[in-house]
């Protein structure tokens, strides 16, 4: 999926659309990518002279990369984060890096979808988390 296709599932737009492409790897796993170009709004104050992508932004990137996993349920609805659990930061993500999110749907209960997500730069694990989303009708 390119950004135009992603916009049909999630409501994010410029400056908050933080995934450039998403691919379905199998029935339960997606991979998203975003290249940090260095002039993003979240780098301006984090940290001056030493820009590092904030952890909360990495979680948002992984959440957005999960969008394809909830696409069928998101028609005429909006996916909202409902929990972030067991978030672990292992490495920095810097300007020039391509952040790759691998997201696996582990279960679904009613309107809730549960995803295990990992974020990488190259083959280096930078963050991992358990995410959940509530799909709320518009």
Protein backbone atom coordinates (compact mmCIF):
# COMPACT_ATOMS: atom_id res chain seq x y z
CA UNK A 1 0.00 0.00 0.00
CA UNK A 2 1.17 3.49 -0.76
CA UNK A 3 0.23 6.56 1.28
CA UNK A 4 -2.96 7.22 -0.69
CA UNK A 5 -4.19 3.68 0.02
CA UNK A 6 -3.17 3.98 3.68
CA UNK A 7 -5.23 7.19 3.98
CA UNK A 8 -8.36 5.17 3.17
CA UNK A 9 -7.88 3.20 6.40
CA UNK A 10 -6.44 5.70 8.91
CA UNK A 11 -7.32 9.39 9.25
CA UNK A 12 -3.72 10.66 9.60
CA UNK A 13 -2.49 13.34 7.20
CA UNK A 14 0.58 15.55 6.84
CA UNK A 15 2.54 16.04 9.45
CA UNK A 16 1.13 13.04 11.31
CA UNK A 17 1.11 10.38 8.58
CA UNK A 18 4.26 8.51 9.62
CA UNK A 19 4.32 5.53 7.27
CA UNK A 20 5.28 5.75 3.60
CA UNK A 21 4.31 2.24 2.56
CA UNK A 22 2.82 -0.88 4.10
CA UNK A 23 2.98 -4.41 2.75
CA UNK A 24 1.07 -7.48 3.84
CA UNK A 25 3.66 -10.24 4.37
CA UNK A 26 1.09 -12.94 5.14
CA UNK A 27 -2.47 -13.10 6.53
CA UNK A 28 -1.42 -11.77 9.94
CA UNK A 29 1.81 -9.82 9.39
CA UNK A 30 2.48 -6.39 7.91
CA UNK A 31 5.65 -4.42 7.27
CA UNK A 32 5.72 -0.63 7.16
CA UNK A 33 8.51 1.75 6.23
CA UNK A 34 9.27 5.38 6.90
CA UNK A 35 12.53 7.18 6.11
CA UNK A 36 13.48 9.91 8.58
CA UNK A 37 14.60 12.86 6.45
CA UNK A 38 15.70 15.07 9.35
CA UNK A 39 13.29 17.99 9.09
CA UNK A 40 10.29 16.34 10.78
CA UNK A 41 8.46 18.42 13.39
CA UNK A 42 9.29 15.96 16.19
CA UNK A 43 13.06 16.35 15.71
CA UNK A 44 13.12 20.13 16.20
CA UNK A 45 13.23 19.89 19.99
CA UNK A 46 14.28 16.25 20.48
CA UNK A 47 17.18 17.02 20.85
CA UNK A 48 18.72 20.22 19.42
CA UNK A 49 22.07 19.36 17.89
CA UNK A 50 21.48 15.63 18.48
CA UNK A 51 18.17 14.70 16.79
CA UNK A 52 16.67 11.36 17.90
CA UNK A 53 13.18 10.13 16.96
CA UNK A 54 11.08 10.14 20.18
CA UNK A 55 9.91 6.77 21.46
CA UNK A 56 6.26 7.77 21.35
CA UNK A 57 6.67 8.58 17.63
CA UNK A 58 8.21 5.15 17.02
CA UNK A 59 5.14 3.60 18.67
CA UNK A 60 2.90 5.70 16.43
CA UNK A 61 4.83 4.55 13.36
CA UNK A 62 4.34 0.92 14.35
CA UNK A 63 0.66 1.56 15.02
CA UNK A 64 0.17 3.10 11.61
CA UNK A 65 2.03 0.20 9.98
CA UNK A 66 -0.54 -2.09 11.60
CA UNK A 67 -3.33 -0.41 9.62
CA UNK A 68 -3.45 -3.03 6.87
CA UNK A 69 -4.14 -5.71 9.50
CA UNK A 70 -7.40 -3.99 10.53
CA UNK A 71 -8.38 -2.72 7.07
CA UNK A 72 -11.42 -4.95 6.66
CA UNK A 73 -12.86 -3.77 10.00
CA UNK A 74 -11.98 -0.11 9.44
CA UNK A 75 -14.46 0.54 6.64
CA UNK A 76 -16.63 3.45 7.85
CA UNK A 77 -14.72 3.28 11.14
CA UNK A 78 -11.57 4.64 12.75
CA UNK A 79 -8.89 2.57 14.49
CA UNK A 80 -7.83 4.10 17.82
CA UNK A 81 -4.96 3.03 20.04
CA UNK A 82 -6.39 1.42 23.16
CA UNK A 83 -3.21 0.13 24.84
CA UNK A 84 0.55 0.12 24.58
CA UNK A 85 2.12 -2.61 26.70
CA UNK A 86 5.62 -3.91 27.35
CA UNK A 87 7.26 -1.18 25.28
CA UNK A 88 11.03 -1.64 25.16
CA UNK A 89 13.49 0.70 23.49
CA UNK A 90 16.72 -0.93 22.33
CA UNK A 91 18.33 1.59 19.98
CA UNK A 92 18.15 5.10 18.53
CA UNK A 93 16.47 6.04 15.27
CA UNK A 94 18.20 8.99 13.60
CA UNK A 95 17.84 11.23 10.54
CA UNK A 96 18.67 9.26 7.41
CA UNK A 97 17.46 5.96 8.90
CA UNK A 98 14.67 3.94 7.34
CA UNK A 99 12.49 2.67 10.17
CA UNK A 100 10.88 -0.68 9.38
CA UNK A 101 7.92 -1.90 11.43
CA UNK A 102 6.98 -5.57 11.51
CA UNK A 103 3.52 -6.01 13.00
CA UNK A 104 1.78 -9.31 13.74
CA UNK A 105 -1.93 -9.60 14.53
CA UNK A 106 -2.11 -12.04 17.44
CA UNK A 107 -5.81 -11.92 18.26
CA UNK A 108 -9.07 -10.09 17.82
CA UNK A 109 -11.92 -9.81 20.32
CA UNK A 110 -15.02 -7.87 19.44
CA UNK A 111 -13.85 -4.43 18.25
CA UNK A 112 -10.34 -4.89 19.71
CA UNK A 113 -7.31 -5.98 17.70
CA UNK A 114 -4.06 -7.03 19.42
CA UNK A 115 -0.72 -6.67 17.64
CA UNK A 116 2.89 -7.52 18.48
CA UNK A 117 5.13 -4.92 16.85
CA UNK A 118 8.86 -4.57 16.37
CA UNK A 119 10.74 -1.67 14.84
CA UNK A 120 14.10 -1.99 13.12
CA UNK A 121 16.77 0.07 11.42
CA UNK A 122 18.40 -2.40 9.07
CA UNK A 123 18.48 -5.63 11.04
CA UNK A 124 18.91 -3.88 14.41
CA UNK A 125 15.90 -4.07 16.74
CA UNK A 126 15.17 -0.55 18.05
CA UNK A 127 11.77 -0.97 19.75
CA UNK A 128 9.21 -3.63 20.55
CA UNK A 129 5.68 -3.33 21.94
CA UNK A 130 2.29 -4.93 22.31
CA UNK A 131 -0.36 -2.69 20.76
CA UNK A 132 -4.11 -2.83 20.73
CA UNK A 133 -6.68 -0.92 18.74
CA UNK A 134 -10.38 -0.33 19.09
CA UNK A 135 -12.24 0.00 15.81
CA UNK A 136 -14.91 2.68 16.37
CA UNK A 137 -17.66 3.26 13.81
CA UNK A 138 -17.73 6.80 12.39
